[in-house]
Amino acid sequence: LNLAVSALYRYPWRGARKIGFALTHLGIIVIIAGSAAVIHLGVEGMLPLRTDTASKNQIRVEGELLEVMTASSQLQQADVLIKPDGSVMPKQIGKLSLVGYSDNTIKTVSFTEGATADNLAVDNPAVRLRLKSDRMGQTLERYLAVAPVAYSKVGIGPAELEIIQVDTVGTGKGKSLLSPPQEQNLSPWGSIKVTSKERDTIDTEIIDIKQALSSQAPDSSVKVVDFWQDFRLDANNQPTTASQQLRNPAVQLEVSTLEGVERWFVFGKENFPPVRSVVSGQPLEGIEISYNIQPQKSEDYFRVIVTQSGQLFYAAHSSKGFKSGTLDIGKAVSPGWADFQITLDEYIPHGKINREVIPVFDPTVKGVPALLVSTETGTQTWLPWGEATTINEPTGEIFAAFSPKLLQLPFAIALEDFIVERNEGSDSVAMWTSKIRLEDRDHNVISHRNVWMNHPTWYQGWKIAQASWNPGDLKQSTLQIKREPAWVTALTWTGSGLVISGITIMFYGRGVAKKLRRQPEESGVPLYYHSP
């Protein structure tokens, strides 16, 4: 509006400068109109691709989507607008009222008593424990339940909390749980299995790693050279151990035969092949080596033992030793982990699991966005972003999902390769290129294209451009997919042309006009010739 008023204020447009001024302002107005049309009528989204995944035909566009469905109605969908102050538009979708929004929520799990006067619940012992440390200034609350199994054991750093149900503590398993653990003679570092194949003979040898390091025969064909509990490579690419925990055990061997000598690095992780190199002689054939190690159990634990009659006991183990006894509600127990104290706050004989989504305001806690909705009866529920939720109502279930807005493309795109070109003699990036494959099954078209910065490609009116890439993962690339009506593109180009024409006329129009008027005078030919 200001541009139009400014141009009209100089009417009538006489002279090159005023005409150019008017054309420039008209061009800017046309460009602004075209930009507004692009925002409201165009489509733009991002498409992350990987070389090791299949083609995709859905792009993530701006905005969020809420889907609501009940047993008696069809699926309802509506766009959701989240304002900067956290308010939500629209206020009503289907049978749900949109109350609020949080950009950081987490899921919590709790257990409540499932038995009522009208309902005999399944026997499922559960407890609520409170862990407190004055030195660290921390108070933690954890639930344990016999079922589901995933909630029967919880890790607290290097220690574990566990609940176990037994028949009685007088005999059998219950008695052993309340007794100090017996020392086991099993090798804590595991063993090496060596299999040698020569013609029709197969020889197998089992080597205990810890025993072999302390004493081994000098003429042994397989020698244990070194062992690392938590294998890493240091800054000089030399093997070292990051901790004394058996998190990534590895052993170095020296294998000798008449043909030669090899150095082997064998790892405890499954599906990780040994690394071998020739020290002298020829590469060895017919030798297979595997590493067998039992999973390391936590040395620090606090176990709640529940009998069939409902009696509660505890067993705690730490570097200070082992202790056990009865566990009473409100009674604090020191398991031996620094100054931590564990208190039983609640015992639930028939535990019923409850999952709840709550907003958090601690910036150090990473959660997911969620939408707060309310039903007609007043039941409020948080809908986590990207996850379907069931809301139980007296009139029936309501299914709702707060998810990203996706757009289906008429074709699919696959990333065949991602190439990064670097400047010669350095690691600085010169150019990166996405080699893509367009798959249009409706028209039986498969097309191979290359996309790099400022060099997009087009297909059926869709512009495909390079948006971003991940320097830490060269199998990934993100493309920008964009489309707008043809008349909008023409409008934008027309506005640009008017701006260029107006600026040209403002600066050069007067000089060109004067030059054109002087040309007839300088030629010496009279403008009018009258015969005598």
Foldseek 3Di string as FASTA:
>chain_A
DVLVVVLVVPPPQDALQNVLSNLQSVLVVLQVVLVVQCVVFKWKFKDKAFQPDDWDFKGFTDFWKKWKDFPVDDIWMDTWDQDPVFDIPDQDTDQKGFDTKFFFKDKDKDWDFPDDPVDDFDFKKKFWKWKDDPVVGDIDIAMAIVPPVVRQWDDDVLEIEGEAEDADLPDDPNVQLQDFDDDDPDQQQFWKWKWFDDPPDIDIDIGRQVVQVVDDDPPDQKHWDDKEQAWDQDPVRDIDHPDPHNPKIWTWIWGDDPQAIKIWIAIPDPPDAIDMDGPDGDDDPRMDMHTDHDDDDRQFYKYWYAHPVGWTKIWTGDPVGIHIDGADAPDWDDRPPNRMIMHTPDMHRRIDMDMAMDGDDDPVDGGGMWTWMAGPVGDIHTAGEPDWDWDQDPVGIMIMHIYGDMDGHQKIKHFNFKDWDADPPDRHTDWIKTWMWIGRPVVRDIDIDIETAPRWDDDPQKTKHFDDDDPVDRRMGMIMIMHGDPVSVVSNVVSVVSSVVSVCSSVCVVVVVVVVVCVVVVVPDDPDDDDD
